[in-house]
C-alpha atoms as a PDB file:
ATOM      1  CA  TYR A   1      19.104  17.242  -7.580  1.00  0.00           C
ATOM      2  CA  ARG A   2      18.427  17.060  -3.978  1.00  0.00           C
ATOM      3  CA  VAL A   3      18.601  19.689  -1.254  1.00  0.00           C
ATOM      4  CA  VAL A   4      20.446  19.092   1.999  1.00  0.00           C
ATOM      5  CA  TYR A   5      19.256  22.115   4.300  1.00  0.00           C
ATOM      6  CA  ASP A   6      21.471  22.942   7.219  1.00  0.00           C
ATOM      7  CA  GLU A   7      20.036  22.354  10.583  1.00  0.00           C
ATOM      8  CA  VAL A   8      19.177  25.946  11.066  1.00  0.00           C
ATOM      9  CA  THR A   9      17.573  26.584   7.798  1.00  0.00           C
ATOM     10  CA  LEU A  10      15.585  23.238   8.118  1.00  0.00           C
ATOM     11  CA  LYS A  11      14.316  24.192  11.748  1.00  0.00           C
ATOM     12  CA  GLU A  12      13.307  27.554  10.385  1.00  0.00           C
ATOM     13  CA  MET A  13      11.168  26.205   7.544  1.00  0.00           C
ATOM     14  CA  LEU A  14       9.474  23.371   9.636  1.00  0.00           C
ATOM     15  CA  SER A  15       8.419  25.994  12.247  1.00  0.00           C
ATOM     16  CA  ARG A  16       6.439  27.703   9.247  1.00  0.00           C
ATOM     17  CA  LEU A  17       4.972  24.929   7.541  1.00  0.00           C
ATOM     18  CA  GLU A  18       1.637  26.918   7.393  1.00  0.00           C
ATOM     19  CA  GLU A  19       3.397  29.437   5.127  1.00  0.00           C
ATOM     20  CA  LEU A  20       4.613  26.972   2.351  1.00  0.00           C
ATOM     21  CA  THR A  21       2.838  25.727  -0.515  1.00  0.00           C
ATOM     22  CA  ASN A  22       1.756  21.957  -0.522  1.00  0.00           C
ATOM     23  CA  LEU A  23       4.349  21.404  -3.321  1.00  0.00           C
ATOM     24  CA  ASP A  24       6.989  23.115  -1.284  1.00  0.00           C
ATOM     25  CA  ARG A  25       5.904  20.695   1.752  1.00  0.00           C
ATOM     26  CA  TRP A  26       6.082  17.776  -0.489  1.00  0.00           C
ATOM     27  CA  GLY A  27       9.604  18.938  -1.867  1.00  0.00           C
ATOM     28  CA  ILE A  28      10.962  18.819   1.625  1.00  0.00           C
ATOM     29  CA  LEU A  29       9.467  15.425   2.441  1.00  0.00           C
ATOM     30  CA  ASN A  30      10.731  14.013  -0.883  1.00  0.00           C
ATOM     31  CA  ASP A  31      14.187  15.220  -0.486  1.00  0.00           C
ATOM     32  CA  LEU A  32      14.328  14.102   2.959  1.00  0.00           C
ATOM     33  CA  TYR A  33      13.244  10.616   2.098  1.00  0.00           C
ATOM     34  CA  ALA A  34      15.690  10.280  -0.729  1.00  0.00           C
ATOM     35  CA  LEU A  35      18.552  11.536   1.752  1.00  0.00           C
ATOM     36  CA  LEU A  36      17.315   8.834   4.386  1.00  0.00           C
ATOM     37  CA  LEU A  37      17.705   6.122   1.770  1.00  0.00           C
ATOM     38  CA  SER A  38      21.155   7.235   0.856  1.00  0.00           C
ATOM     39  CA  GLY A  39      22.147   7.247   4.409  1.00  0.00           C
ATOM     40  CA  ARG A  40      22.786  11.132   4.710  1.00  0.00           C
ATOM     41  CA  VAL A  41      19.732  11.465   7.296  1.00  0.00           C
ATOM     42  CA  GLU A  42      19.138   9.255  10.286  1.00  0.00           C
ATOM     43  CA  LEU A  43      15.945   7.479  10.636  1.00  0.00           C
ATOM     44  CA  SER A  44      15.334   9.132  14.039  1.00  0.00           C
ATOM     45  CA  ASP A  45      15.800  12.616  12.435  1.00  0.00           C
ATOM     46  CA  TYR A  46      13.556  11.542   9.466  1.00  0.00           C
ATOM     47  CA  LEU A  47      10.802  10.349  11.824  1.00  0.00           C
ATOM     48  CA  SER A  48      11.082  13.842  13.962  1.00  0.00           C
ATOM     49  CA  VAL A  49      10.299  15.601  10.953  1.00  0.00           C
ATOM     50  CA  LEU A  50       7.162  13.258   9.902  1.00  0.00           C
ATOM     51  CA  LYS A  51       5.610  14.070  13.361  1.00  0.00           C
ATOM     52  CA  LEU A  52       5.238  17.640  12.243  1.00  0.00           C
ATOM     53  CA  PHE A  53       3.168  16.549   9.331  1.00  0.00           C
ATOM     54  CA  ARG A  54       0.826  14.443  11.318  1.00  0.00           C
ATOM     55  CA  ASN A  55      -2.140  16.883  10.799  1.00  0.00           C
ATOM     56  CA  GLU A  56      -1.386  17.516   7.171  1.00  0.00           C
ATOM     57  CA  SER A  57      -4.567  17.755   5.090  1.00  0.00           C
ATOM     58  CA  ASP A  58      -3.225  18.161   1.478  1.00  0.00           C
ATOM     59  CA  PRO A  59      -3.723  14.970  -0.385  1.00  0.00           C
ATOM     60  CA  ILE A  60      -0.417  15.430  -2.376  1.00  0.00           C
ATOM     61  CA  VAL A  61       1.602  15.479   0.755  1.00  0.00           C
ATOM     62  CA  ILE A  62      -0.390  12.928   2.607  1.00  0.00           C
ATOM     63  CA  GLU A  63       0.315  10.458  -0.376  1.00  0.00           C
ATOM     64  CA  GLU A  64       3.920  11.059  -0.275  1.00  0.00           C
ATOM     65  CA  ILE A  65       4.141  10.480   3.351  1.00  0.00           C
ATOM     66  CA  SER A  66       2.038   7.484   3.240  1.00  0.00           C
ATOM     67  CA  GLY A  67       4.091   6.008   0.151  1.00  0.00           C
ATOM     68  CA  GLN A  68       7.403   6.605   2.177  1.00  0.00           C
ATOM     69  CA  LEU A  69       6.087   4.942   5.176  1.00  0.00           C
ATOM     70  CA  SER A  70       4.785   2.029   3.627  1.00  0.00           C
ATOM     71  CA  SER A  71       7.827   1.392   1.732  1.00  0.00           C
ATOM     72  CA  LEU A  72      10.106   1.411   5.011  1.00  0.00           C
ATOM     73  CA  HIS A  73       7.660  -0.696   6.464  1.00  0.00           C
ATOM     74  CA  LEU A  74       8.148  -3.266   3.652  1.00  0.00           C
ATOM     75  CA  ILE A  75      12.015  -2.669   3.732  1.00  0.00           C
ATOM     76  CA  SER A  76      12.119  -3.356   7.566  1.00  0.00           C
ATOM     77  CA  PRO A  77       8.750  -4.830   8.589  1.00  0.00           C
ATOM     78  CA  VAL A  78       9.939  -5.459  12.252  1.00  0.00           C
ATOM     79  CA  ASN A  79      11.312  -2.066  13.080  1.00  0.00           C
ATOM     80  CA  PRO A  80       8.992  -0.718  15.793  1.00  0.00           C
ATOM     81  CA  LYS A  81       9.748   2.706  15.278  1.00  0.00           C
ATOM     82  CA  ILE A  82       8.785   2.703  11.635  1.00  0.00           C
ATOM     83  CA  THR A  83       5.644   0.753  12.243  1.00  0.00           C
ATOM     84  CA  GLY A  84       4.680   2.848  15.225  1.00  0.00           C
ATOM     85  CA  GLU A  85       4.918   6.072  13.445  1.00  0.00           C
ATOM     86  CA  ALA A  86       3.275   4.877  10.118  1.00  0.00           C
ATOM     87  CA  VAL A  87       0.216   3.346  12.372  1.00  0.00           C
ATOM     88  CA  ASP A  88      -0.084   6.568  14.117  1.00  0.00           C
ATOM     89  CA  PHE A  89      -0.144   8.907  11.000  1.00  0.00           C
ATOM     90  CA  PHE A  90      -2.603   6.484   8.993  1.00  0.00           C
ATOM     91  CA  ARG A  91      -5.040   6.460  11.875  1.00  0.00           C
ATOM     92  CA  VAL A  92      -4.996  10.257  12.550  1.00  0.00           C
ATOM     93  CA  GLN A  93      -5.468  10.964   9.017  1.00  0.00           C
ATOM     94  CA  LEU A  94      -8.423   8.241   8.667  1.00  0.00           C
ATOM     95  CA  ASP A  95      -9.915   9.711  11.598  1.00  0.00           C
ATOM     96  CA  ARG A  96      -9.757  13.201  10.252  1.00  0.00           C
ATOM     97  CA  LEU A  97     -11.227  12.167   6.856  1.00  0.00           C
ATOM     98  CA  GLY A  98     -13.902  10.109   8.489  1.00  0.00           C
ATOM     99  CA  GLU A  99     -16.637   8.161   6.303  1.00  0.00           C
ATOM    100  CA  LYS A 100     -17.416   9.205   3.004  1.00  0.00           C
ATOM    101  CA  GLN A 101     -19.672  12.222   2.460  1.00  0.00           C
ATOM    102  CA  GLU A 102     -21.992  12.819  -0.400  1.00  0.00           C
ATOM    103  CA  GLY A 103     -20.571  15.256  -2.818  1.00  0.00           C
ATOM    104  CA  GLU A 104     -16.852  14.992  -1.388  1.00  0.00           C
ATOM    105  CA  SER A 105     -14.020  15.476  -3.591  1.00  0.00           C
ATOM    106  CA  GLU A 106     -12.820  12.326  -5.633  1.00  0.00           C
ATOM    107  CA  ASN A 107      -9.225  12.978  -4.495  1.00  0.00           C
ATOM    108  CA  VAL A 108     -10.406  12.479  -0.837  1.00  0.00           C
ATOM    109  CA  SER A 109     -12.234   9.405  -1.735  1.00  0.00           C
ATOM    110  CA  ILE A 110      -9.195   7.998  -3.257  1.00  0.00           C
ATOM    111  CA  LEU A 111      -6.756   8.856  -0.500  1.00  0.00           C
ATOM    112  CA  ARG A 112      -9.303   7.102   2.012  1.00  0.00           C
ATOM    113  CA  GLY A 113      -8.713   4.086   0.074  1.00  0.00           C
ATOM    114  CA  THR A 114      -5.110   4.441  -0.095  1.00  0.00           C
ATOM    115  CA  LEU A 115      -4.849   4.853   3.625  1.00  0.00           C
ATOM    116  CA  SER A 116      -6.773   2.212   4.553  1.00  0.00           C
ATOM    117  CA  HIS A 117      -5.051  -0.083   2.044  1.00  0.00           C
ATOM    118  CA  ASP A 118      -1.782   0.635   3.832  1.00  0.00           C
ATOM    119  CA  LEU A 119      -2.950   0.657   7.327  1.00  0.00           C
ATOM    120  CA  SER A 120      -4.340  -2.888   6.599  1.00  0.00           C
ATOM    121  CA  ILE A 121      -1.108  -4.260   5.768  1.00  0.00           C
ATOM    122  CA  LEU A 122       0.689  -2.500   8.949  1.00  0.00           C
ATOM    123  CA  ASP A 123      -2.059  -2.928  11.636  1.00  0.00           C
ATOM    124  CA  ASP A 124      -3.616  -6.583  12.364  1.00  0.00           C
ATOM    125  CA  LYS A 125      -6.190  -4.719  14.406  1.00  0.00           C
ATOM    126  CA  PHE A 126      -7.488  -2.430  11.777  1.00  0.00           C
ATOM    127  CA  ALA A 127      -7.335  -5.112   9.034  1.00  0.00           C
ATOM    128  CA  THR A 128      -9.675  -7.090  11.215  1.00  0.00           C
ATOM    129  CA  GLU A 129     -12.004  -4.509  11.915  1.00  0.00           C
ATOM    130  CA  LEU A 130     -12.193  -3.604   8.201  1.00  0.00           C
ATOM    131  CA  SER A 131     -12.289  -7.026   6.960  1.00  0.00           C
ATOM    132  CA  VAL A 132     -16.070  -7.599   8.164  1.00  0.00           C
ATOM    133  CA  ARG A 133     -17.106  -5.620   5.100  1.00  0.00           C
ATOM    134  CA  PHE A 134     -15.767  -8.228   2.929  1.00  0.00           C
ATOM    135  CA  ASP A 135     -19.116  -9.890   2.703  1.00  0.00           C
ATOM    136  CA  SER A 136     -20.633  -6.737   1.079  1.00  0.00           C
ATOM    137  CA  PHE A 137     -17.506  -6.296  -1.265  1.00  0.00           C
ATOM    138  CA  SER A 138     -19.350  -5.758  -4.458  1.00  0.00           C
ATOM    139  CA  ARG A 139     -21.651  -3.019  -2.934  1.00  0.00           C
ATOM    140  CA  GLU A 140     -18.650  -1.177  -1.197  1.00  0.00           C
ATOM    141  CA  ASP A 141     -17.400   2.147  -2.396  1.00  0.00           C
ATOM    142  CA  PRO A 142     -14.923   1.248  -5.266  1.00  0.00           C
ATOM    143  CA  ASP A 143     -12.158   3.204  -3.749  1.00  0.00           C
ATOM    144  CA  MET A 144     -12.343   1.098  -0.713  1.00  0.00           C
ATOM    145  CA  ARG A 145     -12.656  -2.399  -2.170  1.00  0.00           C
ATOM    146  CA  THR A 146      -8.866  -2.888  -2.619  1.00  0.00           C
ATOM    147  CA  ALA A 147      -8.368  -2.202   1.012  1.00  0.00           C
ATOM    148  CA  ILE A 148     -11.322  -4.316   2.420  1.00  0.00           C
ATOM    149  CA  ALA A 149      -9.933  -7.293   0.115  1.00  0.00           C
ATOM    150  CA  ILE A 150      -6.431  -6.817   1.628  1.00  0.00           C
ATOM    151  CA  ALA A 151      -7.762  -6.472   5.019  1.00  0.00           C
ATOM    152  CA  PHE A 152      -9.656  -9.884   4.592  1.00  0.00           C
ATOM    153  CA  ALA A 153      -6.731 -11.563   3.287  1.00  0.00           C
ATOM    154  CA  VAL A 154      -4.346 -10.302   5.767  1.00  0.00           C
ATOM    155  CA  SER A 155      -6.713 -11.202   8.787  1.00  0.00           C
ATOM    156  CA  LYS A 156      -8.705 -14.082   7.681  1.00  0.00           C
ATOM    157  CA  GLY A 157      -6.114 -15.789   5.356  1.00  0.00           C
ATOM    158  CA  ASP A 158      -9.269 -17.382   3.486  1.00  0.00           C
ATOM    159  CA  PHE A 159      -8.179 -18.175   0.070  1.00  0.00           C
ATOM    160  CA  GLU A 160     -11.251 -20.095  -0.798  1.00  0.00           C
ATOM    161  CA  ARG A 161     -13.519 -17.185   0.056  1.00  0.00           C
ATOM    162  CA  LEU A 162     -11.257 -14.838  -2.020  1.00  0.00           C
ATOM    163  CA  LYS A 163     -11.561 -17.142  -4.895  1.00  0.00           C
ATOM    164  CA  GLU A 164     -15.155 -17.503  -4.485  1.00  0.00           C
ATOM    165  CA  GLU A 165     -15.692 -13.757  -4.854  1.00  0.00           C
ATOM    166  CA  PHE A 166     -13.131 -13.632  -7.448  1.00  0.00           C
ATOM    167  CA  MET A 167     -14.854 -16.319  -9.546  1.00  0.00           C
ATOM    168  CA  ALA A 168     -18.092 -14.800  -8.992  1.00  0.00           C
ATOM    169  CA  SER A 169     -17.190 -11.290 -10.096  1.00  0.00           C
ATOM    170  CA  GLU A 170     -18.014  -9.946 -13.540  1.00  0.00           C
ATOM    171  CA  ASN A 171     -16.298  -6.670 -12.907  1.00  0.00           C
ATOM    172  CA  ASP A 172     -12.748  -6.800 -14.349  1.00  0.00           C
ATOM    173  CA  GLU A 173     -11.750  -3.968 -11.866  1.00  0.00           C
ATOM    174  CA  ASP A 174     -12.838  -5.714  -8.942  1.00  0.00           C
ATOM    175  CA  ARG A 175     -11.271  -9.101 -10.262  1.00  0.00           C
ATOM    176  CA  THR A 176      -7.885  -7.299 -10.297  1.00  0.00           C
ATOM    177  CA  LYS A 177      -8.348  -5.765  -6.769  1.00  0.00           C
ATOM    178  CA  LEU A 178      -8.948  -9.410  -5.419  1.00  0.00           C
ATOM    179  CA  LEU A 179      -6.109 -10.990  -7.147  1.00  0.00           C
ATOM    180  CA  SER A 180      -3.881  -7.967  -5.934  1.00  0.00           C
ATOM    181  CA  ALA A 181      -5.336  -8.932  -2.399  1.00  0.00           C
ATOM    182  CA  MET A 182      -4.572 -12.531  -2.822  1.00  0.00           C
ATOM    183  CA  GLY A 183      -0.776 -11.469  -2.857  1.00  0.00           C
ATOM    184  CA  TRP A 184      -0.999 -10.457   0.673  1.00  0.00           C
ATOM    185  CA  LEU A 185      -2.016 -13.964   1.890  1.00  0.00           C
ATOM    186  CA  ARG A 186       0.303 -14.915   4.624  1.00  0.00           C
ATOM    187  CA  SER A 187       0.900 -18.512   4.144  1.00  0.00           C
ATOM    188  CA  ASN A 188       3.002 -20.273   1.312  1.00  0.00           C
ATOM    189  CA  ASP A 189       0.087 -22.815   1.085  1.00  0.00           C
ATOM    190  CA  SER A 190      -2.548 -20.187   0.269  1.00  0.00           C
ATOM    191  CA  LEU A 191      -0.052 -18.289  -2.121  1.00  0.00           C
ATOM    192  CA  GLY A 192       0.354 -21.631  -3.871  1.00  0.00           C
ATOM    193  CA  LYS A 193      -3.178 -21.874  -4.348  1.00  0.00           C
ATOM    194  CA  VAL A 194      -3.351 -18.732  -6.128  1.00  0.00           C
ATOM    195  CA  LEU A 195      -0.528 -19.918  -8.573  1.00  0.00           C
ATOM    196  CA  GLU A 196      -2.553 -23.011  -9.322  1.00  0.00           C
ATOM    197  CA  LEU A 197      -5.508 -20.557 -10.087  1.00  0.00           C
ATOM    198  CA  ILE A 198      -3.042 -19.060 -12.496  1.00  0.00           C
ATOM    199  CA  LYS A 199      -1.884 -21.958 -14.215  1.00  0.00           C
ATOM    200  CA  GLU A 200      -5.314 -23.309 -14.439  1.00  0.00           C
ATOM    201  CA  GLY A 201      -6.038 -20.317 -16.956  1.00  0.00           C
ATOM    202  CA  LYS A 202      -8.655 -18.794 -14.775  1.00  0.00           C
ATOM    203  CA  VAL A 203      -6.943 -15.508 -14.429  1.00  0.00           C
ATOM    204  CA  LYS A 204      -6.634 -13.234 -17.540  1.00  0.00           C
ATOM    205  CA  LYS A 205      -2.998 -13.005 -18.572  1.00  0.00           C
ATOM    206  CA  GLN A 206      -2.753  -9.352 -18.371  1.00  0.00           C
ATOM    207  CA  ASP A 207      -3.941  -9.493 -14.780  1.00  0.00           C
ATOM    208  CA  ILE A 208      -1.383 -11.961 -13.538  1.00  0.00           C
ATOM    209  CA  LEU A 209       1.450  -9.517 -12.894  1.00  0.00           C
ATOM    210  CA  ARG A 210      -1.127  -7.853 -10.051  1.00  0.00           C
ATOM    211  CA  PHE A 211      -0.342 -11.128  -7.899  1.00  0.00           C
ATOM    212  CA  TYR A 212       3.154 -11.295  -8.315  1.00  0.00           C
ATOM    213  CA  VAL A 213       3.836  -7.697  -7.743  1.00  0.00           C
ATOM    214  CA  SER A 214       1.600  -7.901  -4.087  1.00  0.00           C
ATOM    215  CA  ALA A 215       3.307 -11.281  -3.399  1.00  0.00           C
ATOM    216  CA  SER A 216       6.787  -9.845  -3.779  1.00  0.00           C
ATOM    217  CA  ALA A 217       5.982  -6.846  -1.664  1.00  0.00           C
ATOM    218  CA  ASN A 218       4.417  -9.197   1.074  1.00  0.00           C
ATOM    219  CA  PRO A 219       6.899  -9.950   3.672  1.00  0.00           C
ATOM    220  CA  ASP A 220       5.449 -13.246   4.143  1.00  0.00           C
ATOM    221  CA  GLY A 221       5.333 -13.982   0.429  1.00  0.00           C
ATOM    222  CA  ARG A 222       8.961 -13.339  -0.345  1.00  0.00           C
ATOM    223  CA  ALA A 223      10.240 -16.657   0.318  1.00  0.00           C
ATOM    224  CA  PHE A 224       7.491 -18.083  -1.808  1.00  0.00           C
ATOM    225  CA  MET A 225       8.279 -15.662  -4.673  1.00  0.00           C
ATOM    226  CA  VAL A 226      12.143 -16.525  -4.552  1.00  0.00           C
ATOM    227  CA  ASN A 227      11.092 -20.068  -5.163  1.00  0.00           C
ATOM    228  CA  THR A 228       8.566 -18.978  -7.747  1.00  0.00           C
ATOM    229  CA  LEU A 229      10.857 -16.406  -9.608  1.00  0.00           C
ATOM    230  CA  GLU A 230      11.732 -18.713 -12.508  1.00  0.00           C
ATOM    231  CA  PHE A 231       8.309 -19.743 -13.387  1.00  0.00           C
ATOM    232  CA  ALA A 232       6.844 -16.347 -13.226  1.00  0.00           C
ATOM    233  CA  VAL A 233       9.688 -14.597 -15.392  1.00  0.00           C
ATOM    234  CA  LYS A 234       9.249 -17.120 -17.912  1.00  0.00           C
ATOM    235  CA  GLN A 235       5.502 -16.762 -17.706  1.00  0.00           C
ATOM    236  CA  LEU A 236       5.355 -12.997 -17.988  1.00  0.00           C
ATOM    237  CA  GLN A 237       7.896 -13.016 -20.765  1.00  0.00           C
ATOM    238  CA  GLU A 238       5.827 -15.227 -22.804  1.00  0.00           C
ATOM    239  CA  ILE A 239       2.793 -13.058 -21.764  1.00  0.00           C
ATOM    240  CA  PHE A 240       4.404  -9.627 -22.806  1.00  0.00           C
ATOM    241  CA  VAL A 241       6.585 -10.719 -25.604  1.00  0.00           C
ATOM    242  CA  GLY A 242       7.088  -7.753 -27.985  1.00  0.00           C
ATOM    243  CA  ASN A 243       6.013  -5.373 -25.276  1.00  0.00           C
ATOM    244  CA  ARG A 244       8.063  -2.981 -23.201  1.00  0.00           C
ATOM    245  CA  THR A 245       7.014  -4.744 -20.126  1.00  0.00           C
ATOM    246  CA  ALA A 246       9.060  -7.823 -21.057  1.00  0.00           C
END
């Protein structure tokens, strides 16, 4: 069930956030987002509440906000209110986390990668800054590699360089990260080249879905995926026949 707090109660809770547990804060945000999607909460009210969490430090709560803002951006990629709030939130959080420190929590490292991944999709300036690390892709922190590859795909659009790194990599996990990043290429021509790579059998069958998921989420890739949908569905059904995925 979802909880719809009256205005007075919600205001009182939000004024005492530091007294609530991380799961309580997560619950408030999770309910609020569901109510936003159902039309029972206005976008302006939702964003006003989110501003109060800008300095949040708990990974569970931050990941919830990150997921919500990223999803909203993909639903409405041209809405400046959503994009503006998302970029501000991600930048504040990344500034707070700073560079990776020796002995830091694994959750913090993963969170840094997630936030960098999401901000690369939202903010061209950040993507350009992060993309310069692609030349050292295989030597970068594993938790940052997806973000770096996506930043490169978004800002440079260089399919050939992504393909080169993909073909040279002997690490299956890195190959899936690179394949996912290729789904964020912005031109239909580049996305078509990835599809050719798949048709040529140069991508492991179990990894193909990674590209289709990314390209479907990519606002610039949706027209491509609509035109490719029939082929993709048939291909995935053949790959996962007898599996619940099919």
